[in-house]
């Protein structure tokens, strides 16, 4: 037992020294000063441990190199990821061009990214998804067609998708157009959803959910204007907007009309406004022409206006009115019928509506075209015939 005791003390001493050595942290081992301390402590070990000391020091040195290299690689990787992320945030996704992307119902984020890349946008799929997650945009992307212009970044593109700032297509219905012209223009527009193809005029008003169905004939019920719409908007919804605007404008003008006018309803004012719209393109003359027609109505005179004859002729009109056309009875031939025709003959603009509700207070009952877009107005038939001879008959 006494022979064993010295070895036990020696073992306890060695365990304490090894514990002290093991207590050094890896970070401490990586410093020169601490490595020297390790060397000194290792020198205190018995010579029998020399080989173990050399192996241990070499292991520690190698381990430190591995750790240092790993940290260096991690630093480089982290730096590269940070730069790549910053590039995804701030680098324009497209330069010097404009592209159009349509997000359809059911499109996943991956599908949207494929569409962007397919159009040549420099987006990075991983970072695009990260940015979408950061912006909480994954469930907020709205369907529609988007116009992506040069200089937009990934966050800006996502912002467009979230806000639903879709591309607005445009269609214009000029003043004086007939409903037939409007339908033709709609049919030629590839960005509208066409639901009215082949529908007869007499049935078209029944297609509306509200409002227009009160009228049997669509002519003149839609306001001439430029309309913006998203792709796949239906032709019916576009016409509903034009109808609603005409009703709004008509009611506004009707509420501010002059006193003593012969109209029984706003619709009659709309009919006369359509005739005034077709009679002249000179804005200054509209109140004068409206005054002529209103005075003729009040005197129970025929309106005798060519645009109504042309409208009543329909497809028979080939660019010229013959005497037979003036004497052939149609619901719209104001050389034959008394009063106003049954419906408008075109789309009048606001100026024409204002003119028939605020007509000129002169005494003229006739007018004839000069040939330059303006007219000569006369109070008597004799004066009118002289003007016709001067500006019409003598030119033939």
Protein backbone atom coordinates (compact mmCIF):
# COMPACT_ATOMS: atom_id res chain seq x y z
CA UNK A 1 0.00 0.00 0.00
CA UNK A 2 2.92 2.36 0.85
CA UNK A 3 4.55 1.54 -2.53
CA UNK A 4 1.35 2.52 -4.37
CA UNK A 5 0.89 5.84 -2.55
CA UNK A 6 3.69 7.75 -4.44
CA UNK A 7 2.18 6.71 -7.77
CA UNK A 8 -1.31 7.83 -6.64
CA UNK A 9 0.03 11.29 -5.74
CA UNK A 10 1.81 11.42 -9.07
CA UNK A 11 -1.42 10.52 -10.94
CA UNK A 12 -3.41 13.19 -9.05
CA UNK A 13 -0.72 15.71 -9.91
CA UNK A 14 -0.82 14.74 -13.59
CA UNK A 15 -4.64 14.94 -13.64
CA UNK A 16 -4.53 18.47 -12.20
CA UNK A 17 -1.99 19.58 -14.79
CA UNK A 18 -3.99 18.05 -17.63
CA UNK A 19 -7.18 19.67 -16.31
CA UNK A 20 -5.45 23.05 -16.27
CA UNK A 21 -4.33 22.48 -19.85
CA UNK A 22 -7.81 21.41 -20.90
CA UNK A 23 -9.35 24.51 -19.32
CA UNK A 24 -7.86 26.72 -22.07
CA UNK A 25 -10.52 27.79 -24.58
CA UNK A 26 -9.99 27.41 -28.30
CA UNK A 27 -9.96 31.18 -28.73
CA UNK A 28 -7.23 31.40 -26.09
CA UNK A 29 -5.24 28.67 -27.80
CA UNK A 30 -5.23 30.70 -30.99
CA UNK A 31 -3.19 33.49 -29.42
CA UNK A 32 0.63 33.36 -29.37
CA UNK A 33 0.85 34.14 -25.68
CA UNK A 34 -1.45 31.33 -24.70
CA UNK A 35 0.34 28.91 -26.99
CA UNK A 36 3.53 29.73 -25.15
CA UNK A 37 1.77 29.03 -21.88
CA UNK A 38 0.65 25.70 -23.30
CA UNK A 39 4.26 24.91 -24.24
CA UNK A 40 5.45 25.78 -20.69
CA UNK A 41 2.83 23.60 -19.08
CA UNK A 42 3.65 20.79 -21.41
CA UNK A 43 7.33 21.12 -20.46
CA UNK A 44 6.34 20.40 -16.87
CA UNK A 45 5.07 16.97 -17.86
CA UNK A 46 7.42 14.01 -17.21
CA UNK A 47 9.71 12.94 -20.00
CA UNK A 48 7.59 9.85 -20.45
CA UNK A 49 4.97 12.16 -21.83
CA UNK A 50 7.31 13.85 -24.35
CA UNK A 51 5.90 12.00 -27.30
CA UNK A 52 2.33 12.68 -26.15
CA UNK A 53 3.31 16.35 -25.67
CA UNK A 54 4.59 16.67 -29.23
CA UNK A 55 1.52 14.93 -30.68
CA UNK A 56 -0.82 17.10 -28.60
CA UNK A 57 0.84 20.37 -29.63
CA UNK A 58 0.80 19.33 -33.29
CA UNK A 59 -2.90 18.40 -32.98
CA UNK A 60 -3.74 21.71 -31.36
CA UNK A 61 -1.80 23.61 -34.02
CA UNK A 62 -3.53 21.70 -36.84
CA UNK A 63 -6.92 22.12 -35.21
CA UNK A 64 -6.38 25.87 -34.91
CA UNK A 65 -5.49 26.08 -38.60
CA UNK A 66 -8.68 24.19 -39.53
CA UNK A 67 -10.78 26.45 -37.33
CA UNK A 68 -9.12 29.55 -38.73
CA UNK A 69 -9.62 28.39 -42.32
CA UNK A 70 -13.26 27.52 -41.61
CA UNK A 71 -13.92 30.93 -40.11
CA UNK A 72 -12.20 32.58 -43.07
CA UNK A 73 -14.39 30.62 -45.49
CA UNK A 74 -17.48 31.55 -43.48
CA UNK A 75 -16.50 35.21 -43.53
CA UNK A 76 -16.01 35.15 -47.28
CA UNK A 77 -19.32 33.28 -47.78
CA UNK A 78 -21.17 35.67 -45.50
CA UNK A 79 -19.71 38.65 -47.28
CA UNK A 80 -20.59 37.23 -50.67
CA UNK A 81 -24.17 36.50 -49.54
CA UNK A 82 -24.53 40.02 -48.18
CA UNK A 83 -23.27 41.54 -51.42
CA UNK A 84 -25.52 39.25 -53.47
CA UNK A 85 -28.52 40.22 -51.33
CA UNK A 86 -27.73 43.92 -51.69
CA UNK A 87 -27.41 43.43 -55.43
CA UNK A 88 -30.84 41.73 -55.53
CA UNK A 89 -32.29 44.67 -53.59
CA UNK A 90 -30.84 47.54 -55.56
CA UNK A 91 -29.79 46.32 -59.00
CA UNK A 92 -32.33 47.11 -61.77
CA UNK A 93 -34.07 43.97 -63.00
CA UNK A 94 -34.23 45.31 -66.55
CA UNK A 95 -32.47 48.07 -68.45
CA UNK A 96 -33.39 50.01 -71.59
CA UNK A 97 -36.62 48.16 -72.29
CA UNK A 98 -40.22 47.70 -71.20
CA UNK A 99 -41.86 44.31 -70.78
CA UNK A 100 -45.37 43.15 -69.93
CA UNK A 101 -46.10 40.44 -67.40
CA UNK A 102 -49.53 38.96 -66.76
CA UNK A 103 -50.27 37.39 -63.39
CA UNK A 104 -53.13 34.98 -63.86
CA UNK A 105 -55.43 33.54 -61.25
CA UNK A 106 -53.72 30.62 -59.51
CA UNK A 107 -50.15 31.63 -60.42
CA UNK A 108 -47.65 30.63 -57.72
CA UNK A 109 -44.64 32.77 -56.83
CA UNK A 110 -42.41 30.29 -58.67
CA UNK A 111 -44.60 30.62 -61.77
CA UNK A 112 -44.41 34.42 -61.57
CA UNK A 113 -40.62 34.27 -61.25
CA UNK A 114 -40.46 31.98 -64.31
CA UNK A 115 -42.48 34.54 -66.28
CA UNK A 116 -40.15 37.34 -65.20
CA UNK A 117 -37.05 35.39 -66.18
CA UNK A 118 -38.72 34.34 -69.42
CA UNK A 119 -39.11 38.01 -70.31
CA UNK A 120 -35.42 38.60 -69.69
CA UNK A 121 -35.59 40.20 -66.24
CA UNK A 122 -32.45 39.83 -64.11
CA UNK A 123 -34.15 38.51 -60.99
CA UNK A 124 -32.59 36.00 -58.62
CA UNK A 125 -35.25 33.44 -57.65
CA UNK A 126 -33.95 32.79 -54.11
CA UNK A 127 -33.61 36.46 -53.17
CA UNK A 128 -36.88 37.35 -54.92
CA UNK A 129 -38.63 34.87 -52.62
CA UNK A 130 -36.75 36.23 -49.58
CA UNK A 131 -37.76 39.80 -50.45
CA UNK A 132 -41.37 38.71 -51.01
CA UNK A 133 -41.34 37.07 -47.57
CA UNK A 134 -39.79 40.16 -45.94
CA UNK A 135 -42.40 42.41 -47.57
CA UNK A 136 -45.20 40.05 -46.50
CA UNK A 137 -46.24 39.94 -50.15
CA UNK A 138 -46.72 36.21 -50.71
CA UNK A 139 -50.52 36.30 -50.34
CA UNK A 140 -51.05 39.85 -51.60
CA UNK A 141 -50.02 39.56 -55.25
CA UNK A 142 -52.88 40.71 -57.49
CA UNK A 143 -53.77 39.33 -60.88
CA UNK A 144 -53.57 41.46 -64.01
CA UNK A 145 -51.21 42.67 -66.70
CA UNK A 146 -48.28 44.77 -65.52
CA UNK A 147 -46.04 47.12 -67.44
CA UNK A 148 -42.47 46.84 -66.14
CA UNK A 149 -40.26 49.71 -67.21
CA UNK A 150 -36.49 50.13 -67.29
CA UNK A 151 -34.83 50.68 -63.93
CA UNK A 152 -37.29 48.79 -61.72
CA UNK A 153 -35.75 46.71 -58.93
CA UNK A 154 -37.12 43.49 -57.45
CA UNK A 155 -38.74 45.26 -54.43
CA UNK A 156 -40.35 47.81 -56.75
CA UNK A 157 -41.72 45.07 -59.00
CA UNK A 158 -43.20 43.29 -55.97
CA UNK A 159 -44.71 46.58 -54.83
CA UNK A 160 -46.47 46.93 -58.20
CA UNK A 161 -47.84 43.40 -57.87
CA UNK A 162 -49.07 44.00 -54.31
CA UNK A 163 -50.69 47.36 -55.09
CA UNK A 164 -52.29 45.99 -58.24
CA UNK A 165 -50.97 48.81 -60.43
CA UNK A 166 -51.82 47.01 -63.64
CA UNK A 167 -51.30 48.33 -67.15
CA UNK A 168 -54.17 50.47 -68.32
CA UNK A 169 -55.25 49.95 -71.92
CA UNK A 170 -57.11 52.70 -73.71
CA UNK A 171 -60.03 53.01 -76.10
CA UNK A 172 -61.58 56.20 -77.50
CA UNK A 173 -65.14 56.85 -78.67
CA UNK A 174 -65.18 60.19 -80.52
CA UNK A 175 -68.11 62.58 -80.43
CA UNK A 176 -70.57 61.96 -83.22
CA UNK A 177 -69.92 58.24 -83.51
CA UNK A 178 -72.85 55.89 -83.92
CA UNK A 179 -73.27 52.84 -81.71
CA UNK A 180 -72.33 50.72 -84.70
CA UNK A 181 -69.00 52.55 -84.83
CA UNK A 182 -68.52 51.94 -81.10
CA UNK A 183 -69.15 48.20 -81.39
CA UNK A 184 -66.75 47.96 -84.32
CA UNK A 185 -64.02 49.68 -82.32
CA UNK A 186 -64.64 47.35 -79.39
CA UNK A 187 -64.46 44.27 -81.61
CA UNK A 188 -61.06 45.40 -82.93
CA UNK A 189 -59.59 45.77 -79.45
CA UNK A 190 -57.72 42.57 -78.48
CA UNK A 191 -57.44 43.50 -74.80
CA UNK A 192 -61.17 43.38 -74.12
CA UNK A 193 -63.19 40.29 -73.33
CA UNK A 194 -65.78 40.08 -76.10
CA UNK A 195 -69.26 39.02 -75.02
CA UNK A 196 -71.44 41.02 -77.44
CA UNK A 197 -70.28 39.61 -80.77
CA UNK A 198 -73.29 38.82 -82.91
CA UNK A 199 -75.81 40.34 -80.49
CA UNK A 200 -78.55 42.29 -82.28
CA UNK A 201 -79.05 45.98 -81.46
CA UNK A 202 -82.60 45.31 -80.34
CA UNK A 203 -81.40 42.80 -77.75
CA UNK A 204 -78.22 44.44 -76.58
CA UNK A 205 -79.77 46.62 -73.90
CA UNK A 206 -81.15 43.56 -72.13
CA UNK A 207 -77.56 42.44 -71.47
CA UNK A 208 -77.00 45.21 -68.96
CA UNK A 209 -77.58 44.45 -65.30
CA UNK A 210 -79.20 47.80 -64.57
CA UNK A 211 -79.98 51.19 -66.03
CA UNK A 212 -79.71 50.84 -69.82
CA UNK A 213 -82.37 48.12 -70.00
CA UNK A 214 -84.96 50.91 -69.59
CA UNK A 215 -84.15 51.94 -73.17
CA UNK A 216 -84.94 49.74 -76.15
CA UNK A 217 -82.31 51.22 -78.50
CA UNK A 218 -78.66 51.83 -77.56
CA UNK A 219 -77.97 54.76 -79.89
CA UNK A 220 -76.69 57.90 -78.15
CA UNK A 221 -76.80 56.44 -74.64
CA UNK A 222 -73.02 56.20 -74.22
CA UNK A 223 -70.74 59.12 -73.53
CA UNK A 224 -68.00 59.81 -76.08
CA UNK A 225 -64.69 59.83 -74.25
CA UNK A 226 -61.35 58.08 -73.75
CA UNK A 227 -61.64 55.12 -71.39
CA UNK A 228 -58.87 53.26 -69.60
CA UNK A 229 -59.29 49.62 -68.66
CA UNK A 230 -57.40 46.54 -67.51
CA UNK A 231 -56.78 43.64 -69.82
CA UNK A 232 -59.68 41.15 -69.98
CA UNK A 233 -62.24 43.79 -69.01
CA UNK A 234 -65.52 42.80 -70.67
CA UNK A 235 -66.99 44.91 -73.44
CA UNK A 236 -70.22 45.00 -71.46
CA UNK A 237 -68.60 46.51 -68.36
CA UNK A 238 -66.84 49.11 -70.51
CA UNK A 239 -70.15 50.12 -72.10
CA UNK A 240 -71.72 50.25 -68.65
CA UNK A 241 -69.14 52.87 -67.67
CA UNK A 242 -69.85 54.88 -70.82
CA UNK A 243 -73.58 54.69 -70.15
CA UNK A 244 -73.19 55.74 -66.51
CA UNK A 245 -71.09 58.73 -67.55
CA UNK A 246 -73.65 59.84 -70.16
CA UNK A 247 -76.39 59.69 -67.54
CA UNK A 248 -74.25 61.68 -65.11
CA UNK A 249 -73.41 64.39 -67.66
CA UNK A 250 -76.97 64.54 -68.99
CA UNK A 251 -78.41 64.98 -65.50
CA UNK A 252 -75.88 67.66 -64.62
CA UNK A 253 -76.70 69.65 -67.76
CA UNK A 254 -80.44 69.08 -67.37
CA UNK A 255 -80.45 70.51 -63.85
CA UNK A 256 -78.84 73.71 -65.14
CA UNK A 257 -80.91 74.10 -68.33
CA UNK A 258 -82.40 77.36 -69.49
CA UNK A 259 -86.09 78.08 -68.89
CA UNK A 260 -88.85 77.65 -71.47
CA UNK A 261 -87.37 74.81 -73.52
CA UNK A 262 -89.78 72.49 -75.38
CA UNK A 263 -88.34 69.17 -74.09
CA UNK A 264 -90.52 66.79 -72.15
CA UNK A 265 -87.55 64.79 -70.80
CA UNK A 266 -83.74 64.71 -70.73
CA UNK A 267 -83.94 61.99 -73.40
CA UNK A 268 -85.49 64.45 -75.87
CA UNK A 269 -82.64 66.87 -75.19
CA UNK A 270 -80.25 63.99 -75.86
CA UNK A 271 -81.93 63.33 -79.22
CA UNK A 272 -81.57 66.94 -80.34
CA UNK A 273 -77.99 67.11 -79.03
CA UNK A 274 -77.09 64.16 -81.25
CA UNK A 275 -78.46 66.02 -84.29
CA UNK A 276 -76.53 69.17 -83.38
CA UNK A 277 -73.38 67.05 -82.94
CA UNK A 278 -73.72 65.66 -86.46
CA UNK A 279 -74.61 69.01 -88.05
CA UNK A 280 -71.42 70.88 -87.19
CA UNK A 281 -67.89 70.42 -85.95
CA UNK A 282 -67.57 74.14 -85.17
CA UNK A 283 -68.08 74.43 -81.42
CA UNK A 284 -69.07 78.11 -81.60
CA UNK A 285 -71.98 77.28 -83.93
CA UNK A 286 -73.62 74.64 -81.77
CA UNK A 287 -75.79 77.06 -79.74
CA UNK A 288 -76.89 78.77 -82.98
CA UNK A 289 -77.87 75.49 -84.64
CA UNK A 290 -79.63 74.37 -81.46
CA UNK A 291 -81.54 77.67 -81.46
CA UNK A 292 -82.66 77.11 -85.05
CA UNK A 293 -84.00 73.64 -84.29
CA UNK A 294 -85.76 74.70 -81.10
CA UNK A 295 -87.50 77.62 -82.82
CA UNK A 296 -88.61 75.30 -85.63
CA UNK A 297 -90.00 72.84 -83.07
CA UNK A 298 -91.86 75.66 -81.33
CA UNK A 299 -93.33 76.81 -84.66
CA UNK A 300 -94.24 73.21 -85.59
CA UNK A 301 -91.88 73.35 -88.58
CA UNK A 302 -90.11 70.27 -89.93
CA UNK A 303 -86.52 70.07 -88.75
CA UNK A 304 -85.34 69.08 -92.26
CA UNK A 305 -81.84 68.02 -91.19
CA UNK A 306 -79.76 65.74 -93.43
CA UNK A 307 -78.02 63.70 -90.70
CA UNK A 308 -81.38 62.21 -89.66
CA UNK A 309 -82.07 61.20 -93.27
CA UNK A 310 -78.69 59.52 -93.50
CA UNK A 311 -79.23 57.64 -90.24
CA UNK A 312 -82.65 56.44 -91.41
CA UNK A 313 -81.18 55.19 -94.68
CA UNK A 314 -78.81 52.84 -92.83
CA UNK A 315 -76.65 50.78 -95.18
CA UNK A 316 -78.39 52.30 -98.21
CA UNK A 317 -76.42 55.49 -97.69
CA UNK A 318 -73.44 55.51 -100.03
CA UNK A 319 -72.13 59.02 -99.46
CA UNK A 320 -74.80 61.03 -101.25
CA UNK A 321 -78.43 62.01 -100.58
CA UNK A 322 -80.81 62.03 -103.55
CA UNK A 323 -84.19 63.77 -103.80
CA UNK A 324 -85.88 60.38 -103.47
CA UNK A 325 -84.13 59.86 -100.14
CA UNK A 326 -85.52 63.14 -98.83
CA UNK A 327 -89.06 62.13 -99.70
CA UNK A 328 -88.88 58.51 -98.55
CA UNK A 329 -90.53 58.11 -95.17
CA UNK A 330 -88.47 56.55 -92.37
CA UNK A 331 -88.84 57.04 -88.61
CA UNK A 332 -85.80 59.34 -88.79
CA UNK A 333 -86.48 61.37 -91.95
CA UNK A 334 -87.14 64.85 -90.54
CA UNK A 335 -88.06 66.09 -94.03
CA UNK A 336 -91.17 63.93 -93.62
CA UNK A 337 -91.88 63.44 -89.90
CA UNK A 338 -92.88 66.15 -87.45
CA UNK A 339 -90.83 66.82 -84.37
CA UNK A 340 -87.85 64.83 -83.17
CA UNK A 341 -86.85 61.36 -84.40
CA UNK A 342 -87.57 58.51 -81.97
CA UNK A 343 -83.97 58.09 -80.75
CA UNK A 344 -80.61 59.85 -80.91
CA UNK A 345 -78.66 59.32 -84.11
CA UNK A 346 -75.14 59.48 -82.59
CA UNK A 347 -73.21 60.11 -79.39
CA UNK A 348 -73.31 63.81 -78.48
CA UNK A 349 -70.57 65.36 -76.38
CA UNK A 350 -70.99 67.68 -73.42
CA UNK A 351 -70.76 70.81 -75.62
CA UNK A 352 -73.66 69.66 -77.77
CA UNK A 353 -75.73 68.85 -74.68
CA UNK A 354 -74.99 72.26 -73.24
CA UNK A 355 -75.92 73.91 -76.54
CA UNK A 356 -79.40 72.37 -76.75
CA UNK A 357 -80.06 73.28 -73.11
CA UNK A 358 -78.70 76.82 -73.57
CA UNK A 359 -79.62 77.66 -77.18
CA UNK A 360 -78.91 80.91 -78.99
CA UNK A 361 -81.75 83.43 -78.63
CA UNK A 362 -81.63 84.75 -82.20
CA UNK A 363 -84.37 84.64 -84.85
CA UNK A 364 -82.77 82.44 -87.52
CA UNK A 365 -84.79 79.50 -88.79
CA UNK A 366 -82.48 78.22 -91.54
CA UNK A 367 -78.82 77.50 -92.12
CA UNK A 368 -76.72 76.24 -95.01
CA UNK A 369 -73.13 74.98 -95.09
CA UNK A 370 -70.48 77.27 -96.52
CA UNK A 371 -68.26 74.32 -97.40
CA UNK A 372 -65.56 75.16 -94.85
CA UNK A 373 -67.18 73.59 -91.80
CA UNK A 374 -69.24 76.66 -90.89
CA UNK A 375 -72.76 77.80 -91.83
CA UNK A 376 -74.73 80.82 -92.96
CA UNK A 377 -77.82 81.45 -90.80
CA UNK A 378 -81.00 83.09 -92.11
CA UNK A 379 -84.25 84.29 -90.55
CA UNK A 380 -86.36 84.04 -93.72
CA UNK A 381 -86.74 81.50 -96.50
CA UNK A 382 -85.81 84.16 -99.08
CA UNK A 383 -82.49 84.85 -97.34
CA UNK A 384 -81.92 81.14 -97.02
CA UNK A 385 -82.48 80.49 -100.74
CA UNK A 386 -80.00 83.22 -101.62
CA UNK A 387 -77.43 81.59 -99.34
CA UNK A 388 -78.13 78.19 -100.88
CA UNK A 389 -77.62 79.62 -104.37
CA UNK A 390 -74.34 81.18 -103.30
CA UNK A 391 -72.82 78.34 -101.37
CA UNK A 392 -74.48 75.21 -102.78
CA UNK A 393 -76.21 75.42 -106.14
CA UNK A 394 -73.67 77.67 -107.90
CA UNK A 395 -70.84 75.36 -106.83
CA UNK A 396 -72.33 72.32 -108.56
